Amino acid sequence: MNDGIRVKKCGVRFKPAAVIVYYEDLEQSHAKLRERVMPLRNFDRNSDVRENVDYLNSRHRKYLSDVPRSQLERLVRLIQLNDEGLDVRESLARIKQEVAEGGRPSLGSDEDLNKLDDESLQRKKDLMNETFEVNRKKPSDEGFEYDVRVDFEGTGAIETSGWDSDKDDSIF
């Protein structure tokens, strides 16, 4: 919840292309449901979805700060697929398929990020940033503690490694 805004739901308008956010303005004495229409200027089927999401985020930060980037990307992709001539059901099925095929990366701890192409790596980084922002505790949050230190106890035996052995310290 940022800037006194609580986003209730998001949607799209196909002609002219726009993302619509329904929100409550918490700064008012009574939280009235409001609508914000955010047009996608010069948007067509060949437009880059990520660039348009960046544009929306920079221009409408107050309203989109609590909306996950992945959700905005899916909404903009929905508009793009509709622009290509697919109806809403076909567009949603295509987006679901893209997500299943890796359009929405997951964070696997055993995956080697050095082997990914640039676009997939950027998606992983964006997902990590999104996850971090969701889990981050800010000084204004309830339960915030400054400079928390945690000792992690290992459940198994400590594995030794040859690269940090003391016998090689005499070289330096």
N, C-alpha and C. Protein backbone atom coordinates (compact mmCIF):
# COMPACT_ATOMS: atom_id res chain seq x y z
N MET A 1 0.84 -1.16 0.00
CA MET A 1 0.00 0.00 0.00
C MET A 1 0.90 1.24 0.00
N ASN A 2 0.92 1.97 -1.08
CA ASN A 2 1.78 3.14 -1.20
C ASN A 2 0.96 4.37 -1.54
N ASP A 3 1.40 5.51 -1.06
CA ASP A 3 0.82 6.81 -1.42
C ASP A 3 -0.68 6.88 -1.16
N GLY A 4 -1.18 6.14 -0.20
CA GLY A 4 -2.59 6.21 0.12
C GLY A 4 -3.48 5.55 -0.92
N ILE A 5 -2.93 4.64 -1.69
CA ILE A 5 -3.68 3.96 -2.75
C ILE A 5 -3.72 2.46 -2.44
N ARG A 6 -4.89 1.86 -2.57
CA ARG A 6 -5.01 0.41 -2.45
C ARG A 6 -5.65 -0.10 -3.75
N VAL A 7 -4.85 -0.83 -4.54
CA VAL A 7 -5.33 -1.35 -5.82
C VAL A 7 -6.30 -2.50 -5.54
N LYS A 8 -7.47 -2.45 -6.17
CA LYS A 8 -8.48 -3.48 -6.00
C LYS A 8 -8.45 -4.49 -7.14
N LYS A 9 -8.37 -4.00 -8.39
CA LYS A 9 -8.29 -4.90 -9.53
C LYS A 9 -7.72 -4.16 -10.74
N CYS A 10 -7.25 -4.96 -11.70
CA CYS A 10 -6.67 -4.42 -12.92
C CYS A 10 -7.38 -5.03 -14.11
N GLY A 11 -7.39 -4.29 -15.21
CA GLY A 11 -8.00 -4.78 -16.44
C GLY A 11 -7.37 -4.10 -17.64
N VAL A 12 -7.92 -4.40 -18.81
CA VAL A 12 -7.41 -3.81 -20.04
C VAL A 12 -8.56 -3.25 -20.87
N ARG A 13 -8.21 -2.33 -21.73
CA ARG A 13 -9.11 -1.84 -22.77
C ARG A 13 -8.35 -2.04 -24.07
N PHE A 14 -9.02 -2.65 -25.06
CA PHE A 14 -8.32 -2.98 -26.29
C PHE A 14 -8.24 -1.82 -27.27
N LYS A 15 -9.31 -1.08 -27.45
CA LYS A 15 -9.33 0.02 -28.41
C LYS A 15 -9.80 1.29 -27.73
N PRO A 16 -8.98 2.29 -27.64
CA PRO A 16 -7.53 2.31 -27.77
C PRO A 16 -6.88 1.57 -26.60
N ALA A 17 -5.70 1.05 -26.84
CA ALA A 17 -5.01 0.20 -25.87
C ALA A 17 -4.74 0.94 -24.57
N ALA A 18 -5.14 0.32 -23.46
CA ALA A 18 -4.92 0.93 -22.15
C ALA A 18 -5.01 -0.13 -21.07
N VAL A 19 -4.31 0.13 -19.98
CA VAL A 19 -4.43 -0.68 -18.77
C VAL A 19 -5.29 0.13 -17.80
N ILE A 20 -6.23 -0.53 -17.16
CA ILE A 20 -7.15 0.14 -16.25
C ILE A 20 -6.95 -0.41 -14.85
N VAL A 21 -6.84 0.48 -13.88
CA VAL A 21 -6.67 0.09 -12.48
C VAL A 21 -7.84 0.66 -11.68
N TYR A 22 -8.46 -0.19 -10.90
CA TYR A 22 -9.50 0.24 -9.96
C TYR A 22 -8.85 0.25 -8.58
N TYR A 23 -9.00 1.37 -7.88
CA TYR A 23 -8.31 1.54 -6.62
C TYR A 23 -9.16 2.34 -5.63
N GLU A 24 -8.75 2.27 -4.38
CA GLU A 24 -9.36 3.08 -3.32
C GLU A 24 -8.35 4.13 -2.91
N ASP A 25 -8.81 5.36 -2.79
CA ASP A 25 -7.95 6.44 -2.32
C ASP A 25 -8.13 6.52 -0.81
N LEU A 26 -7.12 6.06 -0.07
CA LEU A 26 -7.23 5.96 1.38
C LEU A 26 -7.07 7.29 2.09
N GLU A 27 -6.64 8.31 1.36
CA GLU A 27 -6.47 9.62 1.96
C GLU A 27 -7.81 10.34 2.11
N GLN A 28 -8.83 9.89 1.41
CA GLN A 28 -10.17 10.45 1.53
C GLN A 28 -10.81 9.93 2.82
N SER A 29 -11.75 10.67 3.36
CA SER A 29 -12.40 10.25 4.60
C SER A 29 -13.21 8.97 4.39
N HIS A 30 -13.75 8.78 3.19
CA HIS A 30 -14.42 7.52 2.86
C HIS A 30 -13.74 6.97 1.61
N ALA A 31 -13.30 5.72 1.69
CA ALA A 31 -12.55 5.10 0.61
C ALA A 31 -13.49 4.77 -0.54
N LYS A 32 -13.51 5.63 -1.54
CA LYS A 32 -14.38 5.46 -2.70
C LYS A 32 -13.60 4.75 -3.81
N LEU A 33 -14.24 3.81 -4.48
CA LEU A 33 -13.61 3.09 -5.57
C LEU A 33 -13.46 4.02 -6.78
N ARG A 34 -12.22 4.14 -7.27
CA ARG A 34 -11.92 5.01 -8.40
C ARG A 34 -11.30 4.20 -9.53
N GLU A 35 -11.30 4.79 -10.71
CA GLU A 35 -10.76 4.14 -11.90
C GLU A 35 -9.67 5.02 -12.50
N ARG A 36 -8.56 4.39 -12.89
CA ARG A 36 -7.46 5.09 -13.56
C ARG A 36 -7.19 4.38 -14.88
N VAL A 37 -7.32 5.11 -15.98
CA VAL A 37 -7.06 4.57 -17.32
C VAL A 37 -5.68 5.04 -17.74
N MET A 38 -4.80 4.09 -18.06
CA MET A 38 -3.42 4.39 -18.44
C MET A 38 -3.19 3.94 -19.88
N PRO A 39 -3.24 4.88 -20.82
CA PRO A 39 -3.13 4.50 -22.23
C PRO A 39 -1.72 4.04 -22.60
N LEU A 40 -1.66 3.10 -23.52
CA LEU A 40 -0.40 2.65 -24.10
C LEU A 40 -0.24 3.39 -25.42
N ARG A 41 0.55 4.43 -25.41
CA ARG A 41 0.70 5.27 -26.60
C ARG A 41 1.56 4.57 -27.65
N ASN A 42 1.16 4.70 -28.91
CA ASN A 42 1.88 4.13 -30.05
C ASN A 42 2.11 2.63 -29.88
N PHE A 43 1.15 1.94 -29.34
CA PHE A 43 1.27 0.50 -29.10
C PHE A 43 0.69 -0.27 -30.27
N ASP A 44 1.43 -1.26 -30.75
CA ASP A 44 0.93 -2.15 -31.79
C ASP A 44 1.44 -3.56 -31.54
N ARG A 45 1.14 -4.47 -32.45
CA ARG A 45 1.50 -5.87 -32.25
C ARG A 45 3.00 -6.12 -32.24
N ASN A 46 3.79 -5.18 -32.74
CA ASN A 46 5.24 -5.34 -32.78
C ASN A 46 5.95 -4.64 -31.62
N SER A 47 5.20 -4.01 -30.75
CA SER A 47 5.79 -3.28 -29.63
C SER A 47 6.39 -4.24 -28.61
N ASP A 48 7.40 -3.78 -27.92
CA ASP A 48 8.04 -4.57 -26.88
C ASP A 48 7.23 -4.46 -25.59
N VAL A 49 6.78 -5.58 -25.08
CA VAL A 49 5.95 -5.61 -23.88
C VAL A 49 6.70 -5.02 -22.69
N ARG A 50 7.95 -5.41 -22.52
CA ARG A 50 8.73 -4.95 -21.36
C ARG A 50 8.93 -3.44 -21.38
N GLU A 51 9.20 -2.88 -22.55
CA GLU A 51 9.37 -1.43 -22.65
C GLU A 51 8.09 -0.70 -22.30
N ASN A 52 6.95 -1.24 -22.72
CA ASN A 52 5.68 -0.61 -22.41
C ASN A 52 5.35 -0.71 -20.93
N VAL A 53 5.71 -1.81 -20.30
CA VAL A 53 5.50 -1.94 -18.86
C VAL A 53 6.40 -0.94 -18.12
N ASP A 54 7.63 -0.79 -18.57
CA ASP A 54 8.53 0.20 -17.96
C ASP A 54 7.95 1.60 -18.09
N TYR A 55 7.40 1.90 -19.27
CA TYR A 55 6.78 3.21 -19.50
C TYR A 55 5.61 3.42 -18.53
N LEU A 56 4.75 2.41 -18.43
CA LEU A 56 3.60 2.53 -17.52
C LEU A 56 4.07 2.74 -16.08
N ASN A 57 5.06 1.96 -15.65
CA ASN A 57 5.55 2.07 -14.28
C ASN A 57 6.16 3.44 -14.01
N SER A 58 6.87 3.99 -14.97
CA SER A 58 7.49 5.30 -14.74
C SER A 58 6.44 6.41 -14.75
N ARG A 59 5.46 6.30 -15.60
CA ARG A 59 4.47 7.37 -15.74
C ARG A 59 3.38 7.30 -14.67
N HIS A 60 3.04 6.10 -14.21
CA HIS A 60 1.92 5.93 -13.27
C HIS A 60 2.37 5.19 -12.02
N ARG A 61 3.52 5.55 -11.50
CA ARG A 61 4.12 4.87 -10.35
C ARG A 61 3.19 4.84 -9.14
N LYS A 62 2.49 5.92 -8.90
CA LYS A 62 1.62 6.01 -7.74
C LYS A 62 0.55 4.91 -7.74
N TYR A 63 0.05 4.58 -8.92
CA TYR A 63 -1.04 3.62 -9.03
C TYR A 63 -0.56 2.18 -9.25
N LEU A 64 0.66 2.03 -9.76
CA LEU A 64 1.14 0.70 -10.12
C LEU A 64 2.21 0.15 -9.18
N SER A 65 2.56 0.88 -8.14
CA SER A 65 3.65 0.45 -7.27
C SER A 65 3.36 -0.89 -6.58
N ASP A 66 2.10 -1.20 -6.34
CA ASP A 66 1.74 -2.45 -5.67
C ASP A 66 1.31 -3.55 -6.64
N VAL A 67 1.30 -3.26 -7.93
CA VAL A 67 0.92 -4.26 -8.93
C VAL A 67 2.18 -4.99 -9.39
N PRO A 68 2.22 -6.30 -9.29
CA PRO A 68 3.42 -7.04 -9.71
C PRO A 68 3.72 -6.82 -11.19
N ARG A 69 5.00 -6.71 -11.50
CA ARG A 69 5.44 -6.49 -12.87
C ARG A 69 4.95 -7.61 -13.79
N SER A 70 4.98 -8.84 -13.30
CA SER A 70 4.54 -9.97 -14.12
C SER A 70 3.07 -9.84 -14.52
N GLN A 71 2.25 -9.31 -13.62
CA GLN A 71 0.84 -9.11 -13.93
C GLN A 71 0.69 -8.05 -15.01
N LEU A 72 1.45 -6.96 -14.90
CA LEU A 72 1.39 -5.92 -15.93
C LEU A 72 1.85 -6.45 -17.28
N GLU A 73 2.89 -7.28 -17.28
CA GLU A 73 3.38 -7.87 -18.53
C GLU A 73 2.30 -8.75 -19.16
N ARG A 74 1.57 -9.51 -18.36
CA ARG A 74 0.51 -10.35 -18.90
C ARG A 74 -0.63 -9.50 -19.47
N LEU A 75 -0.97 -8.41 -18.80
CA LEU A 75 -2.03 -7.53 -19.29
C LEU A 75 -1.65 -6.89 -20.62
N VAL A 76 -0.42 -6.40 -20.70
CA VAL A 76 0.04 -5.77 -21.94
C VAL A 76 0.15 -6.82 -23.05
N ARG A 77 0.59 -8.02 -22.71
CA ARG A 77 0.65 -9.09 -23.70
C ARG A 77 -0.74 -9.45 -24.19
N LEU A 78 -1.74 -9.41 -23.33
CA LEU A 78 -3.12 -9.66 -23.71
C LEU A 78 -3.59 -8.65 -24.75
N ILE A 79 -3.25 -7.39 -24.55
CA ILE A 79 -3.60 -6.34 -25.52
C ILE A 79 -2.89 -6.61 -26.84
N GLN A 80 -1.62 -7.00 -26.76
CA GLN A 80 -0.83 -7.26 -27.96
C GLN A 80 -1.41 -8.42 -28.78
N LEU A 81 -1.78 -9.50 -28.11
CA LEU A 81 -2.35 -10.65 -28.80
C LEU A 81 -3.70 -10.31 -29.41
N ASN A 82 -4.49 -9.49 -28.73
CA ASN A 82 -5.76 -9.05 -29.28
C ASN A 82 -5.52 -8.20 -30.53
N ASP A 83 -4.47 -7.42 -30.52
CA ASP A 83 -4.09 -6.62 -31.68
C ASP A 83 -3.71 -7.50 -32.87
N GLU A 84 -3.21 -8.70 -32.59
CA GLU A 84 -2.84 -9.64 -33.65
C GLU A 84 -4.05 -10.35 -34.23
N GLY A 85 -5.22 -10.16 -33.63
CA GLY A 85 -6.44 -10.75 -34.17
C GLY A 85 -7.01 -11.89 -33.36
N LEU A 86 -6.38 -12.25 -32.25
CA LEU A 86 -6.91 -13.32 -31.40
C LEU A 86 -8.01 -12.76 -30.51
N ASP A 87 -9.03 -13.59 -30.23
CA ASP A 87 -10.04 -13.13 -29.28
C ASP A 87 -9.51 -13.32 -27.85
N VAL A 88 -10.28 -12.91 -26.89
CA VAL A 88 -9.81 -12.89 -25.50
C VAL A 88 -9.49 -14.31 -25.00
N ARG A 89 -10.34 -15.28 -25.31
CA ARG A 89 -10.10 -16.66 -24.85
C ARG A 89 -8.82 -17.22 -25.45
N GLU A 90 -8.63 -17.01 -26.75
CA GLU A 90 -7.42 -17.49 -27.41
C GLU A 90 -6.18 -16.80 -26.85
N SER A 91 -6.31 -15.50 -26.59
CA SER A 91 -5.18 -14.74 -26.04
C SER A 91 -4.80 -15.25 -24.66
N LEU A 92 -5.81 -15.49 -23.82
CA LEU A 92 -5.54 -15.99 -22.47
C LEU A 92 -4.92 -17.39 -22.52
N ALA A 93 -5.40 -18.23 -23.45
CA ALA A 93 -4.83 -19.57 -23.60
C ALA A 93 -3.37 -19.47 -24.05
N ARG A 94 -3.07 -18.56 -24.95
CA ARG A 94 -1.69 -18.39 -25.44
C ARG A 94 -0.79 -17.90 -24.31
N ILE A 95 -1.27 -16.95 -23.51
CA ILE A 95 -0.48 -16.44 -22.38
C ILE A 95 -0.23 -17.56 -21.37
N LYS A 96 -1.25 -18.37 -21.11
CA LYS A 96 -1.10 -19.49 -20.17
C LYS A 96 -0.06 -20.48 -20.70
N GLN A 97 -0.08 -20.72 -22.00
CA GLN A 97 0.90 -21.62 -22.62
C GLN A 97 2.31 -21.02 -22.54
N GLU A 98 2.44 -19.73 -22.79
CA GLU A 98 3.75 -19.07 -22.70
C GLU A 98 4.30 -19.15 -21.29
N VAL A 99 3.43 -18.98 -20.31
CA VAL A 99 3.86 -19.08 -18.91
C VAL A 99 4.31 -20.49 -18.60
N ALA A 100 3.57 -21.48 -19.10
CA ALA A 100 3.93 -22.88 -18.85
C ALA A 100 5.24 -23.25 -19.53
N GLU A 101 5.54 -22.62 -20.66
CA GLU A 101 6.76 -22.92 -21.40
C GLU A 101 7.96 -22.12 -20.91
N GLY A 102 7.76 -21.30 -19.92
CA GLY A 102 8.90 -20.57 -19.39
C GLY A 102 8.79 -19.07 -19.56
N GLY A 103 7.65 -18.58 -19.99
CA GLY A 103 7.47 -17.13 -20.10
C GLY A 103 7.53 -16.46 -18.75
N ARG A 104 7.14 -17.18 -17.72
CA ARG A 104 7.23 -16.67 -16.35
C ARG A 104 8.24 -17.54 -15.64
N PRO A 105 9.44 -17.03 -15.44
CA PRO A 105 10.48 -17.86 -14.83
C PRO A 105 10.20 -18.17 -13.37
N SER A 106 10.72 -19.29 -12.96
CA SER A 106 10.65 -19.64 -11.55
C SER A 106 12.06 -19.52 -10.98
N LEU A 107 12.14 -19.42 -9.68
CA LEU A 107 13.44 -19.29 -9.04
C LEU A 107 13.87 -20.64 -8.50
N GLY A 108 14.63 -21.36 -9.28
CA GLY A 108 15.16 -22.64 -8.86
C GLY A 108 16.56 -22.44 -8.29
N SER A 109 16.81 -22.94 -7.10
CA SER A 109 18.11 -22.72 -6.46
C SER A 109 19.22 -23.52 -7.12
N ASP A 110 18.86 -24.56 -7.87
CA ASP A 110 19.88 -25.39 -8.49
C ASP A 110 20.15 -25.02 -9.95
N GLU A 111 19.52 -23.96 -10.44
CA GLU A 111 19.69 -23.57 -11.84
C GLU A 111 20.93 -22.70 -12.02
N ASP A 112 21.69 -22.95 -13.07
CA ASP A 112 22.89 -22.18 -13.37
C ASP A 112 22.50 -20.98 -14.24
N LEU A 113 22.48 -19.80 -13.65
CA LEU A 113 22.08 -18.58 -14.37
C LEU A 113 23.11 -18.15 -15.41
N ASN A 114 24.34 -18.67 -15.32
CA ASN A 114 25.37 -18.33 -16.31
C ASN A 114 25.06 -18.92 -17.68
N LYS A 115 24.21 -19.93 -17.72
CA LYS A 115 23.91 -20.61 -18.98
C LYS A 115 22.68 -20.04 -19.69
N LEU A 116 22.03 -19.03 -19.11
CA LEU A 116 20.82 -18.45 -19.69
C LEU A 116 21.16 -17.39 -20.72
N ASP A 117 20.23 -17.21 -21.68
CA ASP A 117 20.39 -16.11 -22.61
C ASP A 117 20.01 -14.81 -21.90
N ASP A 118 20.31 -13.67 -22.52
CA ASP A 118 20.13 -12.37 -21.88
C ASP A 118 18.68 -12.10 -21.47
N GLU A 119 17.74 -12.44 -22.32
CA GLU A 119 16.33 -12.17 -22.02
C GLU A 119 15.84 -13.00 -20.83
N SER A 120 16.18 -14.29 -20.82
CA SER A 120 15.78 -15.16 -19.71
C SER A 120 16.44 -14.72 -18.41
N LEU A 121 17.70 -14.31 -18.49
CA LEU A 121 18.40 -13.84 -17.30
C LEU A 121 17.74 -12.59 -16.75
N GLN A 122 17.36 -11.68 -17.63
CA GLN A 122 16.70 -10.44 -17.18
C GLN A 122 15.37 -10.76 -16.52
N ARG A 123 14.62 -11.73 -17.05
CA ARG A 123 13.36 -12.13 -16.43
C ARG A 123 13.60 -12.70 -15.04
N LYS A 124 14.63 -13.52 -14.90
CA LYS A 124 14.97 -14.09 -13.58
C LYS A 124 15.31 -12.96 -12.59
N LYS A 125 16.12 -12.01 -13.06
CA LYS A 125 16.49 -10.89 -12.19
C LYS A 125 15.27 -10.07 -11.79
N ASP A 126 14.37 -9.83 -12.73
CA ASP A 126 13.15 -9.09 -12.42
C ASP A 126 12.31 -9.83 -11.39
N LEU A 127 12.22 -11.15 -11.53
CA LEU A 127 11.45 -11.95 -10.58
C LEU A 127 12.10 -11.91 -9.19
N MET A 128 13.44 -11.96 -9.16
CA MET A 128 14.15 -11.86 -7.87
C MET A 128 13.89 -10.51 -7.22
N ASN A 129 13.94 -9.44 -8.00
CA ASN A 129 13.66 -8.11 -7.46
C ASN A 129 12.23 -8.00 -6.96
N GLU A 130 11.30 -8.56 -7.72
CA GLU A 130 9.89 -8.54 -7.32
C GLU A 130 9.69 -9.30 -6.01
N THR A 131 10.30 -10.47 -5.91
CA THR A 131 10.20 -11.27 -4.69
C THR A 131 10.84 -10.55 -3.51
N PHE A 132 11.99 -9.90 -3.76
CA PHE A 132 12.64 -9.15 -2.70
C PHE A 132 11.75 -8.02 -2.20
N GLU A 133 11.13 -7.27 -3.13
CA GLU A 133 10.28 -6.15 -2.74
C GLU A 133 9.07 -6.62 -1.93
N VAL A 134 8.53 -7.77 -2.28
CA VAL A 134 7.38 -8.30 -1.54
C VAL A 134 7.79 -8.67 -0.12
N ASN A 135 8.98 -9.25 0.05
CA ASN A 135 9.42 -9.74 1.36
C ASN A 135 10.17 -8.71 2.19
N ARG A 136 10.54 -7.59 1.59
CA ARG A 136 11.35 -6.59 2.29
C ARG A 136 10.57 -5.93 3.42
N LYS A 137 11.24 -5.77 4.53
CA LYS A 137 10.65 -5.05 5.66
C LYS A 137 11.20 -3.63 5.66
N LYS A 138 10.30 -2.67 5.65
CA LYS A 138 10.67 -1.27 5.65
C LYS A 138 10.56 -0.72 7.07
N PRO A 139 11.25 0.37 7.38
CA PRO A 139 11.17 0.93 8.73
C PRO A 139 9.74 1.27 9.15
N SER A 140 8.86 1.54 8.21
CA SER A 140 7.48 1.87 8.55
C SER A 140 6.61 0.63 8.77
N ASP A 141 7.13 -0.56 8.44
CA ASP A 141 6.37 -1.80 8.61
C ASP A 141 6.33 -2.23 10.07
N GLU A 142 5.24 -2.90 10.42
CA GLU A 142 5.11 -3.44 11.77
C GLU A 142 6.07 -4.62 11.91
N GLY A 143 6.76 -4.70 13.01
CA GLY A 143 7.69 -5.79 13.25
C GLY A 143 9.07 -5.55 12.67
N PHE A 144 9.34 -4.32 12.22
CA PHE A 144 10.64 -4.01 11.65
C PHE A 144 11.69 -3.96 12.75
N GLU A 145 12.83 -4.61 12.52
CA GLU A 145 13.96 -4.55 13.45
C GLU A 145 15.19 -4.13 12.67
N TYR A 146 15.93 -3.22 13.22
CA TYR A 146 17.14 -2.74 12.56
C TYR A 146 18.30 -3.67 12.88
N ASP A 147 19.11 -3.99 11.89
CA ASP A 147 20.34 -4.77 12.03
C ASP A 147 20.10 -6.13 12.71
N VAL A 148 19.25 -6.93 12.09
CA VAL A 148 18.97 -8.27 12.60
C VAL A 148 20.12 -9.19 12.21
N ARG A 149 20.63 -9.95 13.19
CA ARG A 149 21.70 -10.90 12.93
C ARG A 149 21.22 -12.28 13.31
N VAL A 150 21.45 -13.23 12.40
CA VAL A 150 20.97 -14.59 12.61
C VAL A 150 22.12 -15.55 12.39
N ASP A 151 22.29 -16.48 13.33
CA ASP A 151 23.27 -17.56 13.16
C ASP A 151 22.52 -18.77 12.65
N PHE A 152 22.99 -19.30 11.53
CA PHE A 152 22.37 -20.48 10.96
C PHE A 152 23.16 -21.70 11.41
N GLU A 153 22.48 -22.57 12.10
CA GLU A 153 23.09 -23.79 12.59
C GLU A 153 22.99 -24.85 11.51
N GLY A 154 24.09 -25.48 11.19
CA GLY A 154 24.08 -26.56 10.21
C GLY A 154 23.57 -27.84 10.84
N THR A 155 22.75 -28.55 10.11
CA THR A 155 22.22 -29.79 10.64
C THR A 155 23.15 -30.97 10.38
N GLY A 156 23.97 -30.85 9.34
CA GLY A 156 24.88 -31.94 9.01
C GLY A 156 26.31 -31.55 9.33
N ALA A 157 27.22 -32.42 8.94
CA ALA A 157 28.64 -32.16 9.16
C ALA A 157 29.11 -31.05 8.23
N ILE A 158 30.08 -30.29 8.69
CA ILE A 158 30.64 -29.22 7.88
C ILE A 158 31.55 -29.84 6.83
N GLU A 159 31.31 -29.46 5.61
CA GLU A 159 32.07 -29.99 4.49
C GLU A 159 33.36 -29.19 4.34
N THR A 160 34.48 -29.86 4.28
CA THR A 160 35.75 -29.15 4.12
C THR A 160 36.09 -29.06 2.64
N SER A 161 36.89 -28.03 2.35
CA SER A 161 37.30 -27.82 0.97
C SER A 161 38.80 -27.60 0.94
N GLY A 162 39.44 -28.08 -0.09
CA GLY A 162 40.88 -27.98 -0.20
C GLY A 162 41.38 -26.58 -0.48
N TRP A 163 40.58 -25.72 -1.02
CA TRP A 163 41.06 -24.40 -1.40
C TRP A 163 41.30 -23.48 -0.20
N ASP A 164 40.72 -23.77 0.93
CA ASP A 164 40.90 -22.88 2.08
C ASP A 164 41.72 -23.53 3.20
N SER A 165 42.53 -24.48 2.88
CA SER A 165 43.30 -25.16 3.92
C SER A 165 44.43 -24.27 4.43
N ASP A 166 44.83 -24.46 5.68
CA ASP A 166 45.83 -23.62 6.32
C ASP A 166 47.26 -23.89 5.83
N LYS A 167 47.52 -25.03 5.28
CA LYS A 167 48.90 -25.37 4.89
C LYS A 167 49.40 -24.49 3.76
N ASP A 168 48.51 -23.89 2.95
CA ASP A 168 48.94 -23.02 1.87
C ASP A 168 49.12 -21.57 2.29
N ASP A 169 48.81 -21.22 3.54
CA ASP A 169 48.90 -19.85 4.01
C ASP A 169 50.32 -19.36 4.07
N SER A 170 51.33 -20.23 4.15
CA SER A 170 52.72 -19.82 4.25
C SER A 170 53.23 -19.17 2.95
N ILE A 171 52.53 -19.38 1.85
CA ILE A 171 52.93 -18.81 0.57
C ILE A 171 52.78 -17.29 0.58
N PHE A 172 51.80 -16.82 1.25
CA PHE A 172 51.54 -15.38 1.28
C PHE A 172 52.28 -14.76 2.41
